[in-house]
């Protein structure tokens, strides 16, 4: 007599049930995993700012002041940026902590990358000596002799920051169109420039843009970190109480008088985001408006300290402010990371 063999396996109904459960779990878990990843990046960014804070305090202790953040070149007569290419507050931060060539800060710098490369209307008289290195000759074609290289290296201060902690890249590596900004000496393909010298910016932990290094290695880079130094001689923050009083926008002549000057990085903000230069930052004075406020007003509202109720005052009114565009890469949105408040 033949015995009936048992068949092992899943029925169609059982398979569909399991697949439905897996799909449901993915639907539930995916947002949670995304949130965890975002929290991890935010935490990494705050840790990065702590490293920069330590570096700036060390720089200040040795140089007796924080590095300047005013955009160069600056028209002192009209209180506004002068002639491109501009070296921004973001450039100054990287230069102070690392030096333009990662070998330390050269005190003979004018903070204007073009002037220090022998260009501009008034070149640095020491342009042949400042940041003199054999392996990175000036874009003008001048190769400094050994004694100038030795003296330059002996003058250096720092570096005050480890490149293992914070990454730095040239503006031309991060943007397809650099506009009026000093681009640095490398483009996105890692090709060296014969026109400009190094002038990096520090970048945040939200690595979203693929670039190439010299030699072909592919890496992902974050958005530039913005740096603003407080003007400790000023007692003004804004001329009216935002956002309720909108009697008039903050003008070009207003901003340079305030404790923090929005001009320090405005030209960089005008480039748009590194992922899509057609997407504007909320701090962009020329392109973004939120109700009655424009980009400059949104910037000052973001750095206002609400715990001071007697007068309108910013955070860190005697030191400096660091900004990351956060997870979305847009300056002026709620996910921005600062060296205060969070």
C-alpha atoms as a PDB file:
ATOM      1  CA  UNK A   1       0.000   0.000   0.000  1.00  0.00           C
ATOM      2  CA  UNK A   2       1.438   3.365  -1.014  1.00  0.00           C
ATOM      3  CA  UNK A   3       1.711   6.027   1.703  1.00  0.00           C
ATOM      4  CA  UNK A   4       0.883   9.617   0.851  1.00  0.00           C
ATOM      5  CA  UNK A   5       4.026  11.775   0.959  1.00  0.00           C
ATOM      6  CA  UNK A   6       3.850  15.063   2.820  1.00  0.00           C
ATOM      7  CA  UNK A   7       4.734  18.167   0.824  1.00  0.00           C
ATOM      8  CA  UNK A   8       6.849  20.797   2.510  1.00  0.00           C
ATOM      9  CA  UNK A   9       6.846  24.520   1.613  1.00  0.00           C
ATOM     10  CA  UNK A  10       4.799  27.702   1.841  1.00  0.00           C
ATOM     11  CA  UNK A  11       1.498  28.322   0.205  1.00  0.00           C
ATOM     12  CA  UNK A  12       0.935  31.406  -1.932  1.00  0.00           C
ATOM     13  CA  UNK A  13      -1.214  32.874   0.827  1.00  0.00           C
ATOM     14  CA  UNK A  14       1.533  32.364   3.403  1.00  0.00           C
ATOM     15  CA  UNK A  15       4.165  33.968   1.146  1.00  0.00           C
ATOM     16  CA  UNK A  16       1.941  36.960   0.461  1.00  0.00           C
ATOM     17  CA  UNK A  17       1.298  37.334   4.181  1.00  0.00           C
ATOM     18  CA  UNK A  18       5.034  37.339   4.977  1.00  0.00           C
ATOM     19  CA  UNK A  19       5.734  39.843   2.202  1.00  0.00           C
ATOM     20  CA  UNK A  20       2.970  42.101   3.488  1.00  0.00           C
ATOM     21  CA  UNK A  21       4.432  41.982   7.010  1.00  0.00           C
ATOM     22  CA  UNK A  22       7.939  42.805   5.695  1.00  0.00           C
ATOM     23  CA  UNK A  23       6.565  45.719   3.652  1.00  0.00           C
ATOM     24  CA  UNK A  24       4.717  47.011   6.720  1.00  0.00           C
ATOM     25  CA  UNK A  25       7.860  46.782   8.866  1.00  0.00           C
ATOM     26  CA  UNK A  26       9.898  48.630   6.228  1.00  0.00           C
ATOM     27  CA  UNK A  27       7.252  51.359   6.102  1.00  0.00           C
ATOM     28  CA  UNK A  28       7.468  51.741   9.874  1.00  0.00           C
ATOM     29  CA  UNK A  29      11.249  51.443  10.242  1.00  0.00           C
ATOM     30  CA  UNK A  30      12.504  53.489   7.264  1.00  0.00           C
ATOM     31  CA  UNK A  31      11.554  56.916   8.703  1.00  0.00           C
ATOM     32  CA  UNK A  32      13.008  55.877  12.064  1.00  0.00           C
ATOM     33  CA  UNK A  33      16.291  54.801  10.465  1.00  0.00           C
ATOM     34  CA  UNK A  34      16.405  58.046   8.510  1.00  0.00           C
ATOM     35  CA  UNK A  35      15.856  60.012  11.716  1.00  0.00           C
ATOM     36  CA  UNK A  36      18.623  58.076  13.484  1.00  0.00           C
ATOM     37  CA  UNK A  37      21.012  58.782  10.599  1.00  0.00           C
ATOM     38  CA  UNK A  38      20.131  62.469  10.718  1.00  0.00           C
ATOM     39  CA  UNK A  39      20.639  62.662  14.500  1.00  0.00           C
ATOM     40  CA  UNK A  40      24.033  60.984  14.086  1.00  0.00           C
ATOM     41  CA  UNK A  41      25.091  63.570  11.483  1.00  0.00           C
ATOM     42  CA  UNK A  42      23.829  66.434  13.659  1.00  0.00           C
ATOM     43  CA  UNK A  43      25.830  65.067  16.593  1.00  0.00           C
ATOM     44  CA  UNK A  44      28.932  64.758  14.405  1.00  0.00           C
ATOM     45  CA  UNK A  45      28.477  68.376  13.290  1.00  0.00           C
ATOM     46  CA  UNK A  46      28.266  69.648  16.866  1.00  0.00           C
ATOM     47  CA  UNK A  47      31.418  67.701  17.696  1.00  0.00           C
ATOM     48  CA  UNK A  48      33.105  69.262  14.670  1.00  0.00           C
ATOM     49  CA  UNK A  49      32.153  72.736  15.891  1.00  0.00           C
ATOM     50  CA  UNK A  50      33.636  71.906  19.276  1.00  0.00           C
ATOM     51  CA  UNK A  51      36.962  71.099  17.579  1.00  0.00           C
ATOM     52  CA  UNK A  52      36.801  74.379  15.661  1.00  0.00           C
ATOM     53  CA  UNK A  53      35.976  76.262  18.885  1.00  0.00           C
ATOM     54  CA  UNK A  54      39.071  74.796  20.534  1.00  0.00           C
ATOM     55  CA  UNK A  55      41.181  75.760  17.515  1.00  0.00           C
ATOM     56  CA  UNK A  56      39.862  79.324  17.480  1.00  0.00           C
ATOM     57  CA  UNK A  57      40.509  79.745  21.187  1.00  0.00           C
ATOM     58  CA  UNK A  58      44.075  78.529  20.694  1.00  0.00           C
ATOM     59  CA  UNK A  59      44.524  80.890  17.741  1.00  0.00           C
ATOM     60  CA  UNK A  60      43.100  83.760  19.807  1.00  0.00           C
ATOM     61  CA  UNK A  61      45.410  82.966  22.704  1.00  0.00           C
ATOM     62  CA  UNK A  62      48.462  83.172  20.459  1.00  0.00           C
ATOM     63  CA  UNK A  63      47.371  86.003  18.146  1.00  0.00           C
ATOM     64  CA  UNK A  64      45.451  87.952  20.846  1.00  0.00           C
ATOM     65  CA  UNK A  65      42.288  88.167  18.748  1.00  0.00           C
ATOM     66  CA  UNK A  66      39.936  85.977  16.745  1.00  0.00           C
ATOM     67  CA  UNK A  67      40.564  85.918  12.977  1.00  0.00           C
ATOM     68  CA  UNK A  68      38.652  88.556  11.000  1.00  0.00           C
ATOM     69  CA  UNK A  69      35.644  87.537   8.923  1.00  0.00           C
ATOM     70  CA  UNK A  70      35.085  90.662   6.808  1.00  0.00           C
ATOM     71  CA  UNK A  71      34.911  89.869   3.104  1.00  0.00           C
ATOM     72  CA  UNK A  72      37.946  90.991   1.101  1.00  0.00           C
ATOM     73  CA  UNK A  73      38.434  93.204  -0.798  1.00  0.00           C
ATOM     74  CA  UNK A  74      36.291  95.660   1.187  1.00  0.00           C
ATOM     75  CA  UNK A  75      35.428  99.212   0.126  1.00  0.00           C
ATOM     76  CA  UNK A  76      35.876 101.194   3.350  1.00  0.00           C
ATOM     77  CA  UNK A  77      34.423 104.340   1.768  1.00  0.00           C
ATOM     78  CA  UNK A  78      31.089 102.831   0.783  1.00  0.00           C
ATOM     79  CA  UNK A  79      30.989 100.046   3.390  1.00  0.00           C
ATOM     80  CA  UNK A  80      30.453  97.240   0.897  1.00  0.00           C
ATOM     81  CA  UNK A  81      32.397  94.574  -1.041  1.00  0.00           C
ATOM     82  CA  UNK A  82      34.716  96.108  -3.617  1.00  0.00           C
ATOM     83  CA  UNK A  83      35.984  94.136  -6.636  1.00  0.00           C
ATOM     84  CA  UNK A  84      35.871  90.376  -7.202  1.00  0.00           C
ATOM     85  CA  UNK A  85      37.202  87.771  -6.617  1.00  0.00           C
ATOM     86  CA  UNK A  86      36.089  87.795  -3.002  1.00  0.00           C
ATOM     87  CA  UNK A  87      37.676  86.033  -0.038  1.00  0.00           C
ATOM     88  CA  UNK A  88      34.891  85.415   2.487  1.00  0.00           C
ATOM     89  CA  UNK A  89      34.608  84.770   6.203  1.00  0.00           C
ATOM     90  CA  UNK A  90      34.485  81.054   5.414  1.00  0.00           C
ATOM     91  CA  UNK A  91      37.897  81.346   3.710  1.00  0.00           C
ATOM     92  CA  UNK A  92      39.315  83.264   6.682  1.00  0.00           C
ATOM     93  CA  UNK A  93      38.261  80.520   9.106  1.00  0.00           C
ATOM     94  CA  UNK A  94      40.130  77.821   7.174  1.00  0.00           C
ATOM     95  CA  UNK A  95      43.180  80.046   6.678  1.00  0.00           C
ATOM     96  CA  UNK A  96      43.451  80.927  10.361  1.00  0.00           C
ATOM     97  CA  UNK A  97      43.172  77.352  11.596  1.00  0.00           C
ATOM     98  CA  UNK A  98      45.031  75.472   8.851  1.00  0.00           C
ATOM     99  CA  UNK A  99      46.775  77.966   6.580  1.00  0.00           C
ATOM    100  CA  UNK A 100      45.982  78.098   2.875  1.00  0.00           C
ATOM    101  CA  UNK A 101      48.376  75.223   2.189  1.00  0.00           C
ATOM    102  CA  UNK A 102      47.563  73.206   5.361  1.00  0.00           C
ATOM    103  CA  UNK A 103      51.009  74.038   6.810  1.00  0.00           C
ATOM    104  CA  UNK A 104      49.845  76.691   9.257  1.00  0.00           C
ATOM    105  CA  UNK A 105      48.809  80.345   9.197  1.00  0.00           C
ATOM    106  CA  UNK A 106      51.269  82.884   7.751  1.00  0.00           C
ATOM    107  CA  UNK A 107      51.017  86.184   9.714  1.00  0.00           C
ATOM    108  CA  UNK A 108      52.064  88.125   6.596  1.00  0.00           C
ATOM    109  CA  UNK A 109      48.683  87.356   5.031  1.00  0.00           C
ATOM    110  CA  UNK A 110      46.350  90.223   4.107  1.00  0.00           C
ATOM    111  CA  UNK A 111      43.339  87.827   4.276  1.00  0.00           C
ATOM    112  CA  UNK A 112      42.768  88.617   0.585  1.00  0.00           C
ATOM    113  CA  UNK A 113      43.769  85.573  -1.495  1.00  0.00           C
ATOM    114  CA  UNK A 114      44.193  87.536  -4.718  1.00  0.00           C
ATOM    115  CA  UNK A 115      46.386  90.244  -3.149  1.00  0.00           C
ATOM    116  CA  UNK A 116      48.530  87.572  -1.516  1.00  0.00           C
ATOM    117  CA  UNK A 117      49.044  85.997  -4.929  1.00  0.00           C
ATOM    118  CA  UNK A 118      50.368  89.249  -6.399  1.00  0.00           C
ATOM    119  CA  UNK A 119      47.054  90.381  -7.918  1.00  0.00           C
ATOM    120  CA  UNK A 120      44.386  92.967  -7.225  1.00  0.00           C
ATOM    121  CA  UNK A 121      44.686  96.736  -7.346  1.00  0.00           C
ATOM    122  CA  UNK A 122      47.073  96.799  -4.374  1.00  0.00           C
ATOM    123  CA  UNK A 123      49.042  93.530  -4.221  1.00  0.00           C
ATOM    124  CA  UNK A 124      50.512  92.411  -0.929  1.00  0.00           C
ATOM    125  CA  UNK A 125      54.085  93.805  -0.989  1.00  0.00           C
ATOM    126  CA  UNK A 126      55.186  90.486   0.505  1.00  0.00           C
ATOM    127  CA  UNK A 127      53.300  88.333  -1.988  1.00  0.00           C
ATOM    128  CA  UNK A 128      56.453  86.483  -3.067  1.00  0.00           C
ATOM    129  CA  UNK A 129      57.078  85.439   0.544  1.00  0.00           C
ATOM    130  CA  UNK A 130      53.638  84.780   2.044  1.00  0.00           C
ATOM    131  CA  UNK A 131      52.721  81.065   2.056  1.00  0.00           C
ATOM    132  CA  UNK A 132      55.914  80.303   0.146  1.00  0.00           C
ATOM    133  CA  UNK A 133      56.245  76.558  -0.478  1.00  0.00           C
ATOM    134  CA  UNK A 134      58.164  74.607  -3.094  1.00  0.00           C
ATOM    135  CA  UNK A 135      55.394  72.118  -3.850  1.00  0.00           C
ATOM    136  CA  UNK A 136      52.721  74.786  -4.350  1.00  0.00           C
ATOM    137  CA  UNK A 137      54.248  77.627  -6.410  1.00  0.00           C
ATOM    138  CA  UNK A 138      52.325  80.816  -6.948  1.00  0.00           C
ATOM    139  CA  UNK A 139      49.865  80.864  -9.824  1.00  0.00           C
ATOM    140  CA  UNK A 140      51.790  83.795 -11.274  1.00  0.00           C
ATOM    141  CA  UNK A 141      54.584  81.363 -12.093  1.00  0.00           C
ATOM    142  CA  UNK A 142      56.943  82.615  -9.393  1.00  0.00           C
ATOM    143  CA  UNK A 143      58.794  79.814  -7.598  1.00  0.00           C
ATOM    144  CA  UNK A 144      60.281  81.026  -4.305  1.00  0.00           C
ATOM    145  CA  UNK A 145      63.893  80.172  -3.490  1.00  0.00           C
ATOM    146  CA  UNK A 146      64.698  77.896  -0.589  1.00  0.00           C
ATOM    147  CA  UNK A 147      65.449  80.678   1.900  1.00  0.00           C
ATOM    148  CA  UNK A 148      62.016  82.254   1.362  1.00  0.00           C
ATOM    149  CA  UNK A 149      60.347  78.891   1.844  1.00  0.00           C
ATOM    150  CA  UNK A 150      62.275  78.318   5.077  1.00  0.00           C
ATOM    151  CA  UNK A 151      61.393  81.773   6.426  1.00  0.00           C
ATOM    152  CA  UNK A 152      57.725  81.300   5.522  1.00  0.00           C
ATOM    153  CA  UNK A 153      57.561  77.958   7.322  1.00  0.00           C
ATOM    154  CA  UNK A 154      59.352  79.428  10.357  1.00  0.00           C
ATOM    155  CA  UNK A 155      56.742  82.218  10.556  1.00  0.00           C
ATOM    156  CA  UNK A 156      53.786  79.850  10.519  1.00  0.00           C
ATOM    157  CA  UNK A 157      51.333  79.618  13.396  1.00  0.00           C
ATOM    158  CA  UNK A 158      49.489  76.391  14.093  1.00  0.00           C
ATOM    159  CA  UNK A 159      47.916  74.511  12.438  1.00  0.00           C
ATOM    160  CA  UNK A 160      45.258  74.834  15.125  1.00  0.00           C
ATOM    161  CA  UNK A 161      43.015  72.124  13.717  1.00  0.00           C
ATOM    162  CA  UNK A 162      43.510  68.572  12.507  1.00  0.00           C
ATOM    163  CA  UNK A 163      42.325  67.699   9.018  1.00  0.00           C
ATOM    164  CA  UNK A 164      41.322  64.356  10.541  1.00  0.00           C
ATOM    165  CA  UNK A 165      38.641  66.259  12.473  1.00  0.00           C
ATOM    166  CA  UNK A 166      37.421  68.734   9.862  1.00  0.00           C
ATOM    167  CA  UNK A 167      37.643  68.503   6.078  1.00  0.00           C
ATOM    168  CA  UNK A 168      38.524  71.409   3.777  1.00  0.00           C
ATOM    169  CA  UNK A 169      38.118  71.923   0.052  1.00  0.00           C
ATOM    170  CA  UNK A 170      38.505  74.649  -2.549  1.00  0.00           C
ATOM    171  CA  UNK A 171      35.366  76.553  -3.584  1.00  0.00           C
ATOM    172  CA  UNK A 172      35.802  75.410  -7.190  1.00  0.00           C
ATOM    173  CA  UNK A 173      35.644  71.792  -5.981  1.00  0.00           C
ATOM    174  CA  UNK A 174      32.242  72.406  -4.385  1.00  0.00           C
ATOM    175  CA  UNK A 175      30.485  74.564  -6.998  1.00  0.00           C
ATOM    176  CA  UNK A 176      30.162  74.337 -10.768  1.00  0.00           C
ATOM    177  CA  UNK A 177      29.795  78.125 -10.989  1.00  0.00           C
ATOM    178  CA  UNK A 178      31.882  80.011  -8.415  1.00  0.00           C
ATOM    179  CA  UNK A 179      30.539  83.451  -9.366  1.00  0.00           C
ATOM    180  CA  UNK A 180      32.589  86.243  -7.797  1.00  0.00           C
ATOM    181  CA  UNK A 181      34.205  84.053  -5.136  1.00  0.00           C
ATOM    182  CA  UNK A 182      37.932  83.276  -5.043  1.00  0.00           C
ATOM    183  CA  UNK A 183      37.852  79.705  -6.395  1.00  0.00           C
ATOM    184  CA  UNK A 184      41.073  78.152  -5.118  1.00  0.00           C
ATOM    185  CA  UNK A 185      43.420  75.938  -7.081  1.00  0.00           C
ATOM    186  CA  UNK A 186      41.386  72.743  -7.713  1.00  0.00           C
ATOM    187  CA  UNK A 187      38.153  72.033  -9.565  1.00  0.00           C
ATOM    188  CA  UNK A 188      35.635  69.214  -9.065  1.00  0.00           C
ATOM    189  CA  UNK A 189      37.640  66.843 -11.228  1.00  0.00           C
ATOM    190  CA  UNK A 190      40.754  67.376  -9.087  1.00  0.00           C
ATOM    191  CA  UNK A 191      42.489  69.282 -11.878  1.00  0.00           C
ATOM    192  CA  UNK A 192      44.962  71.918 -10.572  1.00  0.00           C
ATOM    193  CA  UNK A 193      44.432  75.527 -11.611  1.00  0.00           C
ATOM    194  CA  UNK A 194      47.185  77.561 -13.232  1.00  0.00           C
ATOM    195  CA  UNK A 195      45.356  80.799 -12.460  1.00  0.00           C
ATOM    196  CA  UNK A 196      44.708  80.721  -8.710  1.00  0.00           C
ATOM    197  CA  UNK A 197      46.439  79.647  -5.504  1.00  0.00           C
ATOM    198  CA  UNK A 198      44.985  77.460  -2.720  1.00  0.00           C
ATOM    199  CA  UNK A 199      42.320  79.100  -0.570  1.00  0.00           C
ATOM    200  CA  UNK A 200      40.160  76.442   1.082  1.00  0.00           C
ATOM    201  CA  UNK A 201      37.024  76.551   3.202  1.00  0.00           C
ATOM    202  CA  UNK A 202      36.097  74.124   5.973  1.00  0.00           C
ATOM    203  CA  UNK A 203      33.130  71.887   5.153  1.00  0.00           C
ATOM    204  CA  UNK A 204      30.469  70.339   7.376  1.00  0.00           C
ATOM    205  CA  UNK A 205      29.672  66.705   8.201  1.00  0.00           C
ATOM    206  CA  UNK A 206      26.757  66.361   5.761  1.00  0.00           C
ATOM    207  CA  UNK A 207      28.765  64.906   2.900  1.00  0.00           C
ATOM    208  CA  UNK A 208      26.429  65.181  -0.079  1.00  0.00           C
ATOM    209  CA  UNK A 209      28.493  66.127  -3.128  1.00  0.00           C
ATOM    210  CA  UNK A 210      30.882  63.822  -4.984  1.00  0.00           C
ATOM    211  CA  UNK A 211      34.184  65.399  -6.033  1.00  0.00           C
ATOM    212  CA  UNK A 212      37.556  64.130  -7.199  1.00  0.00           C
ATOM    213  CA  UNK A 213      40.913  64.712  -5.576  1.00  0.00           C
ATOM    214  CA  UNK A 214      44.183  65.018  -7.497  1.00  0.00           C
ATOM    215  CA  UNK A 215      45.065  61.475  -8.491  1.00  0.00           C
ATOM    216  CA  UNK A 216      41.453  60.501  -9.140  1.00  0.00           C
ATOM    217  CA  UNK A 217      40.244  59.452  -5.691  1.00  0.00           C
ATOM    218  CA  UNK A 218      36.495  60.033  -5.304  1.00  0.00           C
ATOM    219  CA  UNK A 219      35.191  61.561  -2.053  1.00  0.00           C
ATOM    220  CA  UNK A 220      32.022  63.248  -0.818  1.00  0.00           C
ATOM    221  CA  UNK A 221      32.169  66.792   0.517  1.00  0.00           C
ATOM    222  CA  UNK A 222      29.849  68.869   2.679  1.00  0.00           C
ATOM    223  CA  UNK A 223      28.725  72.501   2.496  1.00  0.00           C
ATOM    224  CA  UNK A 224      31.037  75.362   3.530  1.00  0.00           C
ATOM    225  CA  UNK A 225      31.022  76.346   7.193  1.00  0.00           C
ATOM    226  CA  UNK A 226      30.252  80.050   7.612  1.00  0.00           C
ATOM    227  CA  UNK A 227      32.237  82.137  10.090  1.00  0.00           C
ATOM    228  CA  UNK A 228      31.309  85.571  11.466  1.00  0.00           C
ATOM    229  CA  UNK A 229      33.426  87.496  13.984  1.00  0.00           C
ATOM    230  CA  UNK A 230      31.682  89.909  16.345  1.00  0.00           C
ATOM    231  CA  UNK A 231      32.520  93.591  16.117  1.00  0.00           C
ATOM    232  CA  UNK A 232      33.064  94.233  19.815  1.00  0.00           C
ATOM    233  CA  UNK A 233      33.201  98.018  19.293  1.00  0.00           C
ATOM    234  CA  UNK A 234      29.592  98.084  18.089  1.00  0.00           C
ATOM    235  CA  UNK A 235      26.549  98.354  20.352  1.00  0.00           C
ATOM    236  CA  UNK A 236      24.050  97.866  17.531  1.00  0.00           C
ATOM    237  CA  UNK A 237      22.556  94.610  16.369  1.00  0.00           C
ATOM    238  CA  UNK A 238      19.593  95.642  14.228  1.00  0.00           C
ATOM    239  CA  UNK A 239      17.909  98.967  13.713  1.00  0.00           C
ATOM    240  CA  UNK A 240      14.421  97.649  14.462  1.00  0.00           C
ATOM    241  CA  UNK A 241      12.704  94.738  16.157  1.00  0.00           C
ATOM    242  CA  UNK A 242      12.134  91.878  13.744  1.00  0.00           C
ATOM    243  CA  UNK A 243       9.870  90.254  12.805  1.00  0.00           C
ATOM    244  CA  UNK A 244       7.004  92.460  14.048  1.00  0.00           C
ATOM    245  CA  UNK A 245       8.373  95.819  12.906  1.00  0.00           C
ATOM    246  CA  UNK A 246       8.969  95.798   9.151  1.00  0.00           C
ATOM    247  CA  UNK A 247       9.320  99.532   8.599  1.00  0.00           C
ATOM    248  CA  UNK A 248      12.184  98.936   6.227  1.00  0.00           C
ATOM    249  CA  UNK A 249      14.754  96.335   5.173  1.00  0.00           C
ATOM    250  CA  UNK A 250      18.285  96.212   6.527  1.00  0.00           C
ATOM    251  CA  UNK A 251      20.265  98.192   3.978  1.00  0.00           C
ATOM    252  CA  UNK A 252      23.790  97.814   2.674  1.00  0.00           C
ATOM    253  CA  UNK A 253      24.879 100.696   4.906  1.00  0.00           C
ATOM    254  CA  UNK A 254      23.182  99.233   8.005  1.00  0.00           C
ATOM    255  CA  UNK A 255      24.802  95.796   8.073  1.00  0.00           C
ATOM    256  CA  UNK A 256      28.473  96.868   8.469  1.00  0.00           C
ATOM    257  CA  UNK A 257      27.552  98.863  11.603  1.00  0.00           C
ATOM    258  CA  UNK A 258      26.100  95.896  13.469  1.00  0.00           C
ATOM    259  CA  UNK A 259      27.793  93.515  15.905  1.00  0.00           C
ATOM    260  CA  UNK A 260      27.632  90.925  13.114  1.00  0.00           C
ATOM    261  CA  UNK A 261      27.991  91.896   9.469  1.00  0.00           C
ATOM    262  CA  UNK A 262      25.901  89.786   7.075  1.00  0.00           C
ATOM    263  CA  UNK A 263      28.227  90.806   4.233  1.00  0.00           C
ATOM    264  CA  UNK A 264      30.973  88.529   5.595  1.00  0.00           C
ATOM    265  CA  UNK A 265      29.542  85.557   3.666  1.00  0.00           C
ATOM    266  CA  UNK A 266      26.768  87.015   1.492  1.00  0.00           C
ATOM    267  CA  UNK A 267      28.671  86.492  -1.753  1.00  0.00           C
ATOM    268  CA  UNK A 268      29.143  82.836  -0.870  1.00  0.00           C
ATOM    269  CA  UNK A 269      25.456  82.452   0.028  1.00  0.00           C
ATOM    270  CA  UNK A 270      24.518  83.910  -3.365  1.00  0.00           C
ATOM    271  CA  UNK A 271      26.062  80.849  -5.059  1.00  0.00           C
ATOM    272  CA  UNK A 272      23.117  78.678  -3.909  1.00  0.00           C
ATOM    273  CA  UNK A 273      23.438  75.180  -2.445  1.00  0.00           C
ATOM    274  CA  UNK A 274      26.305  72.894  -3.417  1.00  0.00           C
ATOM    275  CA  UNK A 275      23.900  70.210  -4.682  1.00  0.00           C
ATOM    276  CA  UNK A 276      21.732  72.568  -6.745  1.00  0.00           C
ATOM    277  CA  UNK A 277      22.888  76.120  -7.373  1.00  0.00           C
ATOM    278  CA  UNK A 278      19.403  76.961  -8.582  1.00  0.00           C
ATOM    279  CA  UNK A 279      18.143  76.345  -5.033  1.00  0.00           C
ATOM    280  CA  UNK A 280      18.528  79.503  -2.976  1.00  0.00           C
ATOM    281  CA  UNK A 281      19.502  79.840   0.668  1.00  0.00           C
ATOM    282  CA  UNK A 282      16.961  81.626   2.854  1.00  0.00           C
ATOM    283  CA  UNK A 283      19.736  84.041   3.842  1.00  0.00           C
ATOM    284  CA  UNK A 284      20.110  85.109   0.208  1.00  0.00           C
ATOM    285  CA  UNK A 285      19.303  88.822   0.168  1.00  0.00           C
ATOM    286  CA  UNK A 286      18.662  88.978  -3.564  1.00  0.00           C
ATOM    287  CA  UNK A 287      16.496  85.901  -4.089  1.00  0.00           C
ATOM    288  CA  UNK A 288      14.619  84.827  -0.991  1.00  0.00           C
ATOM    289  CA  UNK A 289      11.736  86.544   0.789  1.00  0.00           C
ATOM    290  CA  UNK A 290       9.703  85.138   3.683  1.00  0.00           C
ATOM    291  CA  UNK A 291       6.635  87.275   4.113  1.00  0.00           C
ATOM    292  CA  UNK A 292       7.873  90.834   4.618  1.00  0.00           C
ATOM    293  CA  UNK A 293      11.431  89.685   5.374  1.00  0.00           C
ATOM    294  CA  UNK A 294      14.281  89.230   2.921  1.00  0.00           C
ATOM    295  CA  UNK A 295      17.424  87.176   3.270  1.00  0.00           C
ATOM    296  CA  UNK A 296      19.417  89.654   5.350  1.00  0.00           C
ATOM    297  CA  UNK A 297      16.567  90.087   7.836  1.00  0.00           C
ATOM    298  CA  UNK A 298      16.173  86.306   8.099  1.00  0.00           C
ATOM    299  CA  UNK A 299      19.905  86.034   8.879  1.00  0.00           C
ATOM    300  CA  UNK A 300      19.699  88.531  11.735  1.00  0.00           C
ATOM    301  CA  UNK A 301      16.543  86.927  13.099  1.00  0.00           C
ATOM    302  CA  UNK A 302      18.307  83.526  13.132  1.00  0.00           C
ATOM    303  CA  UNK A 303      21.181  84.773  15.306  1.00  0.00           C
ATOM    304  CA  UNK A 304      19.026  86.885  17.671  1.00  0.00           C
ATOM    305  CA  UNK A 305      19.202  85.820  21.315  1.00  0.00           C
ATOM    306  CA  UNK A 306      15.584  85.767  22.589  1.00  0.00           C
ATOM    307  CA  UNK A 307      16.658  85.478  26.238  1.00  0.00           C
ATOM    308  CA  UNK A 308      17.844  89.100  26.162  1.00  0.00           C
ATOM    309  CA  UNK A 309      14.590  91.075  26.355  1.00  0.00           C
ATOM    310  CA  UNK A 310      15.837  94.567  27.252  1.00  0.00           C
ATOM    311  CA  UNK A 311      17.395  95.117  23.817  1.00  0.00           C
ATOM    312  CA  UNK A 312      17.722  93.161  20.584  1.00  0.00           C
ATOM    313  CA  UNK A 313      21.037  91.313  20.811  1.00  0.00           C
ATOM    314  CA  UNK A 314      22.722  88.378  19.037  1.00  0.00           C
ATOM    315  CA  UNK A 315      24.159  85.209  20.473  1.00  0.00           C
ATOM    316  CA  UNK A 316      27.933  85.279  21.113  1.00  0.00           C
ATOM    317  CA  UNK A 317      28.018  89.060  20.967  1.00  0.00           C
ATOM    318  CA  UNK A 318      31.681  89.245  22.029  1.00  0.00           C
ATOM    319  CA  UNK A 319      33.142  86.329  20.067  1.00  0.00           C
ATOM    320  CA  UNK A 320      32.042  84.628  16.840  1.00  0.00           C
ATOM    321  CA  UNK A 321      29.359  82.521  15.182  1.00  0.00           C
ATOM    322  CA  UNK A 322      29.799  79.299  13.208  1.00  0.00           C
ATOM    323  CA  UNK A 323      27.047  78.005  10.902  1.00  0.00           C
ATOM    324  CA  UNK A 324      26.357  74.744   9.092  1.00  0.00           C
ATOM    325  CA  UNK A 325      23.531  74.522   6.550  1.00  0.00           C
ATOM    326  CA  UNK A 326      22.441  71.289   8.218  1.00  0.00           C
ATOM    327  CA  UNK A 327      20.889  68.176   6.741  1.00  0.00           C
ATOM    328  CA  UNK A 328      19.029  69.978   3.921  1.00  0.00           C
ATOM    329  CA  UNK A 329      22.069  72.033   2.842  1.00  0.00           C
ATOM    330  CA  UNK A 330      20.100  75.314   2.936  1.00  0.00           C
ATOM    331  CA  UNK A 331      21.171  78.183   5.182  1.00  0.00           C
ATOM    332  CA  UNK A 332      18.298  79.794   7.041  1.00  0.00           C
ATOM    333  CA  UNK A 333      16.111  76.726   7.677  1.00  0.00           C
ATOM    334  CA  UNK A 334      15.285  75.142  11.084  1.00  0.00           C
ATOM    335  CA  UNK A 335      17.803  72.311  10.731  1.00  0.00           C
ATOM    336  CA  UNK A 336      20.828  74.636  10.607  1.00  0.00           C
ATOM    337  CA  UNK A 337      23.541  73.890  13.181  1.00  0.00           C
ATOM    338  CA  UNK A 338      25.247  76.744  15.076  1.00  0.00           C
ATOM    339  CA  UNK A 339      27.906  76.960  17.771  1.00  0.00           C
ATOM    340  CA  UNK A 340      25.180  78.263  20.078  1.00  0.00           C
ATOM    341  CA  UNK A 341      21.626  77.274  21.040  1.00  0.00           C
ATOM    342  CA  UNK A 342      22.066  73.634  20.097  1.00  0.00           C
END
